[in-house]
Amino acid sequence: PVSVAGYGPKALTLAGRVADGVIFQVADPYFIDWGLQWVRKGAEEAGRDFSEITIHCCTASFIEPKEQAYDKSRWFPAVVGNHIADVLRHHPSDTMPDELSKFVEGREDYDYRQHGIAGAEHSKYITDEIVDRFCVIGTEQECVDKIRQLESLGVSEFNLYATFMERGPDVIRQYGEIILPHFT
């Protein structure tokens, strides 16, 4: 199977036309719901059955009180913000939701030398609210509830950015022991 990752209308429409799956590198239900309209459009243009396209969600996640997870997770929305800023440069503003433009308004230059690093200077503009939207953090139940919300949009594959995350192997183990039983 071939999956296509994308943030903008062109890449998401392409995913709908040709891919077996689409990868959303964000756990924001608003963004995924918005993006799926483009995937559906591409599938319809190609005469494909949209329901046969696997919807993936990749994000950072910590199963712990949100107050402890916020600073560990800000790097992820900063990475996403960098990609969204690129998309906004290449698409007419009327094809992109205002919410995305507003998200990157306070963004400063992105330093690739600190790509994916917790505490990176370029992640300082990321609010707790954005971390809540873009990541899956919190108690066991809060994480399960967020994944269920994503599932209700059509997400059937959930992936963690464990290689970038502090304690990545621990988070994977926690997911196997604590979160996965809720979904089997």
N, C-alpha and C. Protein backbone atom coordinates (compact mmCIF):
# COMPACT_ATOMS: atom_id res chain seq x y z
N PRO A 1 0.82 -1.20 0.00
CA PRO A 1 0.00 0.00 0.00
C PRO A 1 0.87 1.27 0.00
N VAL A 2 0.40 2.28 -0.69
CA VAL A 2 1.09 3.56 -0.75
C VAL A 2 0.22 4.60 -0.05
N SER A 3 0.83 5.33 0.89
CA SER A 3 0.13 6.41 1.57
C SER A 3 0.80 7.72 1.24
N VAL A 4 0.01 8.78 1.20
CA VAL A 4 0.50 10.12 0.90
C VAL A 4 0.23 11.00 2.11
N ALA A 5 1.27 11.71 2.56
CA ALA A 5 1.12 12.67 3.65
C ALA A 5 0.96 14.06 3.03
N GLY A 6 0.11 14.86 3.62
CA GLY A 6 -0.07 16.20 3.07
C GLY A 6 -0.83 17.09 4.02
N TYR A 7 -0.69 18.40 3.77
CA TYR A 7 -1.41 19.42 4.55
C TYR A 7 -2.30 20.29 3.67
N GLY A 8 -1.94 20.44 2.41
CA GLY A 8 -2.66 21.36 1.54
C GLY A 8 -3.61 20.68 0.59
N PRO A 9 -4.49 21.46 -0.03
CA PRO A 9 -5.49 20.92 -0.95
C PRO A 9 -4.90 20.09 -2.09
N LYS A 10 -3.78 20.51 -2.65
CA LYS A 10 -3.21 19.78 -3.79
C LYS A 10 -2.72 18.39 -3.37
N ALA A 11 -1.97 18.31 -2.30
CA ALA A 11 -1.45 17.02 -1.85
C ALA A 11 -2.58 16.11 -1.37
N LEU A 12 -3.56 16.67 -0.69
CA LEU A 12 -4.66 15.86 -0.18
C LEU A 12 -5.57 15.37 -1.30
N THR A 13 -5.77 16.21 -2.31
CA THR A 13 -6.55 15.77 -3.48
C THR A 13 -5.80 14.67 -4.22
N LEU A 14 -4.49 14.81 -4.36
CA LEU A 14 -3.68 13.77 -4.98
C LEU A 14 -3.81 12.46 -4.20
N ALA A 15 -3.77 12.55 -2.89
CA ALA A 15 -3.92 11.34 -2.07
C ALA A 15 -5.24 10.65 -2.38
N GLY A 16 -6.30 11.42 -2.51
CA GLY A 16 -7.60 10.84 -2.84
C GLY A 16 -7.63 10.20 -4.21
N ARG A 17 -6.87 10.77 -5.15
CA ARG A 17 -6.84 10.22 -6.51
C ARG A 17 -6.07 8.91 -6.60
N VAL A 18 -4.93 8.82 -5.91
CA VAL A 18 -4.02 7.71 -6.20
C VAL A 18 -3.61 6.84 -5.02
N ALA A 19 -3.76 7.32 -3.81
CA ALA A 19 -3.17 6.62 -2.66
C ALA A 19 -4.12 5.61 -2.03
N ASP A 20 -3.50 4.62 -1.40
CA ASP A 20 -4.26 3.66 -0.61
C ASP A 20 -4.59 4.25 0.76
N GLY A 21 -3.78 5.23 1.19
CA GLY A 21 -3.99 5.87 2.48
C GLY A 21 -3.53 7.31 2.44
N VAL A 22 -4.05 8.09 3.38
CA VAL A 22 -3.61 9.48 3.54
C VAL A 22 -3.12 9.63 4.97
N ILE A 23 -2.02 10.35 5.13
CA ILE A 23 -1.43 10.54 6.46
C ILE A 23 -1.61 12.00 6.87
N PHE A 24 -2.31 12.19 7.98
CA PHE A 24 -2.43 13.51 8.58
C PHE A 24 -1.42 13.56 9.72
N GLN A 25 -0.45 14.45 9.61
CA GLN A 25 0.57 14.58 10.64
C GLN A 25 0.12 15.65 11.62
N VAL A 26 -1.01 15.41 12.20
CA VAL A 26 -1.63 16.31 13.18
C VAL A 26 -2.85 15.59 13.73
N ALA A 27 -3.15 15.80 14.99
CA ALA A 27 -4.32 15.16 15.61
C ALA A 27 -5.43 16.17 15.87
N ASP A 28 -5.48 17.23 15.07
CA ASP A 28 -6.50 18.26 15.21
C ASP A 28 -7.75 17.82 14.46
N PRO A 29 -8.82 17.50 15.18
CA PRO A 29 -10.05 17.05 14.51
C PRO A 29 -10.54 18.05 13.46
N TYR A 30 -10.42 19.34 13.74
CA TYR A 30 -10.85 20.36 12.78
C TYR A 30 -10.06 20.23 11.48
N PHE A 31 -8.75 20.13 11.60
CA PHE A 31 -7.90 20.06 10.41
C PHE A 31 -8.17 18.77 9.63
N ILE A 32 -8.28 17.65 10.32
CA ILE A 32 -8.53 16.38 9.64
C ILE A 32 -9.88 16.42 8.93
N ASP A 33 -10.90 16.93 9.58
CA ASP A 33 -12.21 17.03 8.96
C ASP A 33 -12.14 17.91 7.71
N TRP A 34 -11.45 19.04 7.80
CA TRP A 34 -11.27 19.93 6.66
C TRP A 34 -10.49 19.23 5.55
N GLY A 35 -9.40 18.55 5.90
CA GLY A 35 -8.56 17.89 4.91
C GLY A 35 -9.25 16.75 4.19
N LEU A 36 -10.12 16.06 4.89
CA LEU A 36 -10.81 14.93 4.26
C LEU A 36 -11.70 15.35 3.10
N GLN A 37 -12.17 16.61 3.11
CA GLN A 37 -12.98 17.07 1.97
C GLN A 37 -12.15 17.02 0.68
N TRP A 38 -10.84 17.32 0.78
CA TRP A 38 -9.96 17.31 -0.39
C TRP A 38 -9.65 15.88 -0.81
N VAL A 39 -9.45 15.01 0.16
CA VAL A 39 -9.20 13.60 -0.16
C VAL A 39 -10.43 13.02 -0.86
N ARG A 40 -11.60 13.32 -0.34
CA ARG A 40 -12.86 12.84 -0.93
C ARG A 40 -13.01 13.39 -2.36
N LYS A 41 -12.67 14.66 -2.56
CA LYS A 41 -12.74 15.28 -3.89
C LYS A 41 -11.84 14.54 -4.87
N GLY A 42 -10.62 14.25 -4.46
CA GLY A 42 -9.69 13.53 -5.34
C GLY A 42 -10.20 12.14 -5.67
N ALA A 43 -10.74 11.46 -4.67
CA ALA A 43 -11.28 10.11 -4.90
C ALA A 43 -12.44 10.17 -5.90
N GLU A 44 -13.33 11.14 -5.73
CA GLU A 44 -14.46 11.26 -6.64
C GLU A 44 -13.99 11.57 -8.06
N GLU A 45 -13.01 12.46 -8.21
CA GLU A 45 -12.48 12.81 -9.53
C GLU A 45 -11.90 11.58 -10.24
N ALA A 46 -11.32 10.68 -9.46
CA ALA A 46 -10.69 9.48 -10.04
C ALA A 46 -11.65 8.29 -10.11
N GLY A 47 -12.89 8.50 -9.69
CA GLY A 47 -13.86 7.40 -9.71
C GLY A 47 -13.55 6.33 -8.67
N ARG A 48 -12.91 6.73 -7.59
CA ARG A 48 -12.54 5.78 -6.53
C ARG A 48 -13.54 5.84 -5.39
N ASP A 49 -13.57 4.78 -4.61
CA ASP A 49 -14.42 4.71 -3.43
C ASP A 49 -13.63 5.30 -2.25
N PHE A 50 -14.05 6.45 -1.78
CA PHE A 50 -13.37 7.13 -0.68
C PHE A 50 -13.25 6.23 0.54
N SER A 51 -14.24 5.39 0.79
CA SER A 51 -14.23 4.56 2.00
C SER A 51 -13.11 3.52 1.98
N GLU A 52 -12.50 3.30 0.83
CA GLU A 52 -11.40 2.33 0.75
C GLU A 52 -10.04 2.96 1.05
N ILE A 53 -10.01 4.26 1.29
CA ILE A 53 -8.76 4.95 1.61
C ILE A 53 -8.55 4.92 3.12
N THR A 54 -7.41 4.42 3.54
CA THR A 54 -7.09 4.36 4.97
C THR A 54 -6.66 5.75 5.45
N ILE A 55 -7.23 6.17 6.57
CA ILE A 55 -6.90 7.49 7.13
C ILE A 55 -5.97 7.27 8.33
N HIS A 56 -4.76 7.82 8.21
CA HIS A 56 -3.75 7.71 9.26
C HIS A 56 -3.66 9.04 10.00
N CYS A 57 -3.33 8.97 11.27
CA CYS A 57 -3.02 10.16 12.07
C CYS A 57 -1.70 9.90 12.79
N CYS A 58 -0.75 10.80 12.62
CA CYS A 58 0.55 10.71 13.29
C CYS A 58 0.70 11.94 14.19
N THR A 59 1.15 11.73 15.41
CA THR A 59 1.28 12.86 16.32
C THR A 59 2.22 12.52 17.47
N ALA A 60 2.49 13.51 18.28
CA ALA A 60 3.19 13.31 19.55
C ALA A 60 2.14 13.01 20.62
N SER A 61 2.53 12.21 21.59
CA SER A 61 1.59 11.84 22.63
C SER A 61 2.32 11.53 23.93
N PHE A 62 1.71 11.94 25.02
CA PHE A 62 2.21 11.60 26.35
C PHE A 62 1.01 11.26 27.22
N ILE A 63 1.08 10.14 27.91
CA ILE A 63 0.01 9.73 28.83
C ILE A 63 0.45 10.17 30.22
N GLU A 64 0.11 11.38 30.53
CA GLU A 64 0.45 11.98 31.83
C GLU A 64 -0.34 13.27 31.95
N PRO A 65 -0.40 13.86 33.14
CA PRO A 65 -1.15 15.11 33.28
C PRO A 65 -0.70 16.15 32.25
N LYS A 66 -1.67 16.83 31.68
CA LYS A 66 -1.38 17.77 30.60
C LYS A 66 -0.33 18.81 31.00
N GLU A 67 -0.37 19.26 32.25
CA GLU A 67 0.58 20.28 32.69
C GLU A 67 2.02 19.79 32.52
N GLN A 68 2.24 18.50 32.64
CA GLN A 68 3.58 17.92 32.45
C GLN A 68 3.89 17.70 30.97
N ALA A 69 2.87 17.51 30.16
CA ALA A 69 3.07 17.15 28.75
C ALA A 69 3.19 18.36 27.83
N TYR A 70 2.66 19.51 28.22
CA TYR A 70 2.66 20.66 27.32
C TYR A 70 4.05 21.00 26.79
N ASP A 71 4.99 21.27 27.67
CA ASP A 71 6.31 21.70 27.21
C ASP A 71 7.05 20.60 26.45
N LYS A 72 6.80 19.35 26.78
CA LYS A 72 7.43 18.24 26.06
C LYS A 72 6.88 18.11 24.65
N SER A 73 5.69 18.64 24.42
CA SER A 73 4.98 18.41 23.16
C SER A 73 4.97 19.60 22.21
N ARG A 74 5.37 20.78 22.65
CA ARG A 74 5.27 21.98 21.81
C ARG A 74 6.04 21.86 20.50
N TRP A 75 7.11 21.07 20.50
CA TRP A 75 7.90 20.91 19.29
C TRP A 75 7.04 20.39 18.13
N PHE A 76 6.05 19.52 18.44
CA PHE A 76 5.27 18.92 17.36
C PHE A 76 4.40 19.95 16.63
N PRO A 77 3.60 20.77 17.33
CA PRO A 77 2.85 21.79 16.60
C PRO A 77 3.78 22.79 15.90
N ALA A 78 4.99 23.00 16.42
CA ALA A 78 5.93 23.88 15.73
C ALA A 78 6.34 23.28 14.39
N VAL A 79 6.58 21.97 14.37
CA VAL A 79 6.90 21.28 13.11
C VAL A 79 5.72 21.41 12.15
N VAL A 80 4.51 21.16 12.65
CA VAL A 80 3.31 21.28 11.82
C VAL A 80 3.16 22.71 11.31
N GLY A 81 3.38 23.68 12.19
CA GLY A 81 3.29 25.09 11.79
C GLY A 81 4.24 25.43 10.66
N ASN A 82 5.42 24.85 10.70
CA ASN A 82 6.39 25.08 9.63
C ASN A 82 5.85 24.55 8.31
N HIS A 83 5.24 23.37 8.32
CA HIS A 83 4.67 22.81 7.09
C HIS A 83 3.46 23.63 6.63
N ILE A 84 2.63 24.05 7.56
CA ILE A 84 1.45 24.84 7.19
C ILE A 84 1.88 26.17 6.58
N ALA A 85 2.91 26.79 7.12
CA ALA A 85 3.41 28.04 6.55
C ALA A 85 3.84 27.83 5.10
N ASP A 86 4.48 26.70 4.81
CA ASP A 86 4.85 26.38 3.43
C ASP A 86 3.62 26.23 2.55
N VAL A 87 2.61 25.53 3.04
CA VAL A 87 1.38 25.33 2.27
C VAL A 87 0.72 26.67 1.98
N LEU A 88 0.68 27.56 2.95
CA LEU A 88 0.04 28.87 2.77
C LEU A 88 0.75 29.71 1.72
N ARG A 89 2.04 29.49 1.54
CA ARG A 89 2.78 30.22 0.51
C ARG A 89 2.43 29.74 -0.90
N HIS A 90 1.88 28.54 -1.03
CA HIS A 90 1.66 27.94 -2.34
C HIS A 90 0.19 27.72 -2.70
N HIS A 91 -0.72 28.22 -1.88
CA HIS A 91 -2.15 28.06 -2.15
C HIS A 91 -2.85 29.40 -1.98
N PRO A 92 -3.85 29.64 -2.79
CA PRO A 92 -4.65 30.86 -2.59
C PRO A 92 -5.30 30.83 -1.21
N SER A 93 -5.35 31.95 -0.56
CA SER A 93 -5.87 31.99 0.80
C SER A 93 -7.31 31.51 0.90
N ASP A 94 -8.08 31.64 -0.17
CA ASP A 94 -9.48 31.20 -0.11
C ASP A 94 -9.63 29.68 -0.13
N THR A 95 -8.55 28.94 -0.39
CA THR A 95 -8.64 27.48 -0.33
C THR A 95 -8.21 26.94 1.02
N MET A 96 -7.72 27.80 1.87
CA MET A 96 -7.22 27.39 3.18
C MET A 96 -8.09 28.00 4.28
N PRO A 97 -8.37 27.27 5.34
CA PRO A 97 -9.19 27.84 6.41
C PRO A 97 -8.44 28.96 7.15
N ASP A 98 -9.17 30.00 7.53
CA ASP A 98 -8.58 31.12 8.27
C ASP A 98 -7.88 30.63 9.53
N GLU A 99 -8.40 29.57 10.10
CA GLU A 99 -7.83 29.04 11.34
C GLU A 99 -6.35 28.66 11.16
N LEU A 100 -5.98 28.16 9.99
CA LEU A 100 -4.58 27.80 9.76
C LEU A 100 -3.71 29.04 9.62
N SER A 101 -4.22 30.05 8.94
CA SER A 101 -3.48 31.31 8.82
C SER A 101 -3.25 31.92 10.19
N LYS A 102 -4.28 31.91 11.01
CA LYS A 102 -4.16 32.47 12.35
C LYS A 102 -3.17 31.70 13.20
N PHE A 103 -3.12 30.38 13.01
CA PHE A 103 -2.21 29.54 13.78
C PHE A 103 -0.76 29.94 13.55
N VAL A 104 -0.40 30.27 12.34
CA VAL A 104 1.01 30.57 12.06
C VAL A 104 1.33 32.06 12.11
N GLU A 105 0.35 32.91 12.45
CA GLU A 105 0.59 34.36 12.52
C GLU A 105 1.74 34.72 13.46
N GLY A 106 1.80 34.12 14.63
CA GLY A 106 2.82 34.47 15.60
C GLY A 106 4.11 33.70 15.43
N ARG A 107 4.19 32.92 14.39
CA ARG A 107 5.35 32.05 14.15
C ARG A 107 6.55 32.87 13.70
N GLU A 108 7.66 32.56 14.30
CA GLU A 108 8.91 33.19 13.87
C GLU A 108 9.64 32.22 12.96
N ASP A 109 10.83 32.58 12.53
CA ASP A 109 11.60 31.69 11.67
C ASP A 109 11.79 30.33 12.32
N TYR A 110 11.76 29.33 11.50
CA TYR A 110 11.92 27.96 11.96
C TYR A 110 13.39 27.57 11.83
N ASP A 111 13.95 27.02 12.88
CA ASP A 111 15.36 26.63 12.89
C ASP A 111 15.46 25.12 12.72
N TYR A 112 15.83 24.69 11.52
CA TYR A 112 15.91 23.26 11.24
C TYR A 112 16.98 22.55 12.08
N ARG A 113 17.88 23.29 12.66
CA ARG A 113 18.88 22.66 13.53
C ARG A 113 18.23 22.19 14.83
N GLN A 114 17.02 22.71 15.11
CA GLN A 114 16.28 22.30 16.31
C GLN A 114 14.99 21.57 15.93
N HIS A 115 14.95 21.00 14.73
CA HIS A 115 13.76 20.31 14.23
C HIS A 115 13.39 19.15 15.16
N GLY A 116 12.16 19.19 15.66
CA GLY A 116 11.65 18.11 16.49
C GLY A 116 12.23 18.05 17.89
N ILE A 117 12.84 19.13 18.34
CA ILE A 117 13.47 19.13 19.67
C ILE A 117 12.58 19.86 20.67
N ALA A 118 12.28 19.18 21.78
CA ALA A 118 11.50 19.83 22.84
C ALA A 118 12.26 21.03 23.37
N GLY A 119 11.56 22.13 23.57
CA GLY A 119 12.16 23.34 24.08
C GLY A 119 12.79 24.23 23.01
N ALA A 120 12.66 23.87 21.74
CA ALA A 120 13.22 24.67 20.65
C ALA A 120 12.67 26.09 20.72
N GLU A 121 13.52 27.04 20.44
CA GLU A 121 13.13 28.45 20.50
C GLU A 121 11.94 28.74 19.59
N HIS A 122 11.89 28.11 18.42
CA HIS A 122 10.81 28.39 17.46
C HIS A 122 9.47 27.79 17.89
N SER A 123 9.42 27.10 19.01
CA SER A 123 8.15 26.54 19.48
C SER A 123 7.50 27.38 20.58
N LYS A 124 8.12 28.49 20.93
CA LYS A 124 7.62 29.31 22.05
C LYS A 124 6.25 29.91 21.79
N TYR A 125 5.87 30.10 20.53
CA TYR A 125 4.57 30.70 20.22
C TYR A 125 3.42 29.70 20.34
N ILE A 126 3.73 28.44 20.53
CA ILE A 126 2.70 27.39 20.60
C ILE A 126 2.01 27.44 21.97
N THR A 127 0.71 27.67 21.95
CA THR A 127 -0.07 27.75 23.19
C THR A 127 -0.46 26.34 23.67
N ASP A 128 -0.87 26.26 24.92
CA ASP A 128 -1.36 24.99 25.45
C ASP A 128 -2.56 24.50 24.64
N GLU A 129 -3.43 25.42 24.22
CA GLU A 129 -4.61 25.05 23.43
C GLU A 129 -4.20 24.38 22.12
N ILE A 130 -3.17 24.90 21.47
CA ILE A 130 -2.70 24.30 20.22
C ILE A 130 -2.12 22.91 20.48
N VAL A 131 -1.37 22.75 21.57
CA VAL A 131 -0.84 21.43 21.91
C VAL A 131 -2.00 20.45 22.10
N ASP A 132 -3.05 20.89 22.81
CA ASP A 132 -4.23 20.03 23.02
C ASP A 132 -4.85 19.61 21.68
N ARG A 133 -4.91 20.53 20.75
CA ARG A 133 -5.54 20.23 19.46
C ARG A 133 -4.67 19.34 18.58
N PHE A 134 -3.37 19.60 18.54
CA PHE A 134 -2.50 18.94 17.57
C PHE A 134 -1.91 17.62 18.08
N CYS A 135 -1.91 17.42 19.40
CA CYS A 135 -1.30 16.23 19.99
C CYS A 135 -2.36 15.41 20.73
N VAL A 136 -1.95 14.26 21.21
CA VAL A 136 -2.81 13.44 22.08
C VAL A 136 -2.08 13.34 23.41
N ILE A 137 -2.53 14.14 24.37
CA ILE A 137 -1.87 14.19 25.67
C ILE A 137 -2.90 14.14 26.78
N GLY A 138 -2.44 13.77 27.96
CA GLY A 138 -3.31 13.78 29.13
C GLY A 138 -3.39 12.42 29.77
N THR A 139 -4.39 12.26 30.58
CA THR A 139 -4.61 11.00 31.29
C THR A 139 -4.97 9.90 30.29
N GLU A 140 -4.99 8.70 30.77
CA GLU A 140 -5.41 7.57 29.94
C GLU A 140 -6.74 7.87 29.27
N GLN A 141 -7.73 8.29 30.05
CA GLN A 141 -9.06 8.53 29.50
C GLN A 141 -9.06 9.68 28.50
N GLU A 142 -8.30 10.75 28.78
CA GLU A 142 -8.24 11.87 27.84
C GLU A 142 -7.62 11.43 26.50
N CYS A 143 -6.60 10.60 26.55
CA CYS A 143 -5.98 10.09 25.32
C CYS A 143 -6.95 9.19 24.56
N VAL A 144 -7.63 8.30 25.27
CA VAL A 144 -8.60 7.42 24.63
C VAL A 144 -9.73 8.25 24.00
N ASP A 145 -10.22 9.24 24.73
CA ASP A 145 -11.30 10.08 24.20
C ASP A 145 -10.87 10.81 22.92
N LYS A 146 -9.65 11.32 22.90
CA LYS A 146 -9.16 12.04 21.72
C LYS A 146 -9.03 11.08 20.54
N ILE A 147 -8.51 9.90 20.77
CA ILE A 147 -8.37 8.92 19.69
C ILE A 147 -9.74 8.49 19.19
N ARG A 148 -10.69 8.34 20.09
CA ARG A 148 -12.07 8.01 19.68
C ARG A 148 -12.66 9.13 18.82
N GLN A 149 -12.37 10.37 19.18
CA GLN A 149 -12.85 11.51 18.38
C GLN A 149 -12.25 11.45 16.97
N LEU A 150 -10.97 11.14 16.88
CA LEU A 150 -10.32 11.00 15.57
C LEU A 150 -10.93 9.83 14.80
N GLU A 151 -11.20 8.75 15.52
CA GLU A 151 -11.81 7.57 14.91
C GLU A 151 -13.18 7.92 14.32
N SER A 152 -13.93 8.78 15.00
CA SER A 152 -15.27 9.16 14.52
C SER A 152 -15.20 9.94 13.20
N LEU A 153 -14.03 10.51 12.91
CA LEU A 153 -13.83 11.23 11.64
C LEU A 153 -13.40 10.30 10.52
N GLY A 154 -13.02 9.08 10.87
CA GLY A 154 -12.58 8.12 9.87
C GLY A 154 -11.16 7.64 10.06
N VAL A 155 -10.45 8.17 11.05
CA VAL A 155 -9.08 7.72 11.30
C VAL A 155 -9.11 6.28 11.78
N SER A 156 -8.36 5.41 11.09
CA SER A 156 -8.31 4.01 11.50
C SER A 156 -6.90 3.55 11.83
N GLU A 157 -5.92 4.39 11.56
CA GLU A 157 -4.52 4.09 11.88
C GLU A 157 -3.98 5.25 12.70
N PHE A 158 -3.33 4.92 13.82
CA PHE A 158 -2.80 5.96 14.70
C PHE A 158 -1.32 5.66 14.94
N ASN A 159 -0.48 6.64 14.68
CA ASN A 159 0.97 6.47 14.80
C ASN A 159 1.57 7.54 15.69
N LEU A 160 2.63 7.16 16.38
CA LEU A 160 3.32 8.09 17.27
C LEU A 160 4.66 8.51 16.69
N TYR A 161 5.04 9.75 16.92
CA TYR A 161 6.36 10.24 16.54
C TYR A 161 7.34 9.92 17.66
N ALA A 162 7.52 8.65 17.93
CA ALA A 162 8.33 8.23 19.07
C ALA A 162 9.81 8.51 18.90
N THR A 163 10.32 8.53 17.67
CA THR A 163 11.75 8.77 17.48
C THR A 163 12.15 10.18 17.88
N PHE A 164 11.21 11.11 17.78
CA PHE A 164 11.50 12.49 18.16
C PHE A 164 11.19 12.74 19.64
N MET A 165 10.39 11.88 20.23
CA MET A 165 9.88 12.17 21.56
C MET A 165 10.81 11.69 22.66
N GLU A 166 10.97 12.55 23.64
CA GLU A 166 11.65 12.13 24.87
C GLU A 166 10.86 10.94 25.42
N ARG A 167 11.55 9.90 25.81
CA ARG A 167 10.91 8.70 26.34
C ARG A 167 10.04 7.99 25.31
N GLY A 168 10.37 8.10 24.03
CA GLY A 168 9.58 7.47 22.98
C GLY A 168 9.29 6.00 23.21
N PRO A 169 10.32 5.18 23.51
CA PRO A 169 10.03 3.75 23.75
C PRO A 169 9.09 3.53 24.93
N ASP A 170 9.19 4.37 25.97
CA ASP A 170 8.27 4.25 27.11
C ASP A 170 6.84 4.55 26.69
N VAL A 171 6.67 5.56 25.83
CA VAL A 171 5.33 5.92 25.38
C VAL A 171 4.74 4.77 24.55
N ILE A 172 5.54 4.16 23.70
CA ILE A 172 5.06 3.03 22.90
C ILE A 172 4.63 1.89 23.82
N ARG A 173 5.43 1.59 24.84
CA ARG A 173 5.09 0.54 25.80
C ARG A 173 3.79 0.89 26.52
N GLN A 174 3.67 2.15 26.96
CA GLN A 174 2.44 2.58 27.63
C GLN A 174 1.22 2.41 26.72
N TYR A 175 1.36 2.78 25.47
CA TYR A 175 0.25 2.62 24.54
C TYR A 175 -0.16 1.16 24.42
N GLY A 176 0.83 0.28 24.33
CA GLY A 176 0.53 -1.15 24.24
C GLY A 176 -0.18 -1.68 25.46
N GLU A 177 0.22 -1.20 26.63
CA GLU A 177 -0.33 -1.71 27.88
C GLU A 177 -1.60 -1.00 28.31
N ILE A 178 -1.69 0.31 28.07
CA ILE A 178 -2.76 1.11 28.65
C ILE A 178 -3.83 1.53 27.63
N ILE A 179 -3.41 1.97 26.45
CA ILE A 179 -4.36 2.54 25.47
C ILE A 179 -4.91 1.46 24.55
N LEU A 180 -4.05 0.62 24.01
CA LEU A 180 -4.49 -0.37 23.03
C LEU A 180 -5.64 -1.26 23.52
N PRO A 181 -5.67 -1.69 24.79
CA PRO A 181 -6.81 -2.52 25.23
C PRO A 181 -8.17 -1.85 25.05
N HIS A 182 -8.20 -0.53 24.98
CA HIS A 182 -9.47 0.17 24.75
C HIS A 182 -9.97 0.00 23.32
N PHE A 183 -9.11 -0.44 22.42
CA PHE A 183 -9.44 -0.50 21.02
C PHE A 183 -9.42 -1.90 20.43
N THR A 184 -9.30 -2.93 21.28
CA THR A 184 -9.27 -4.29 20.74
C THR A 184 -10.51 -5.06 21.17
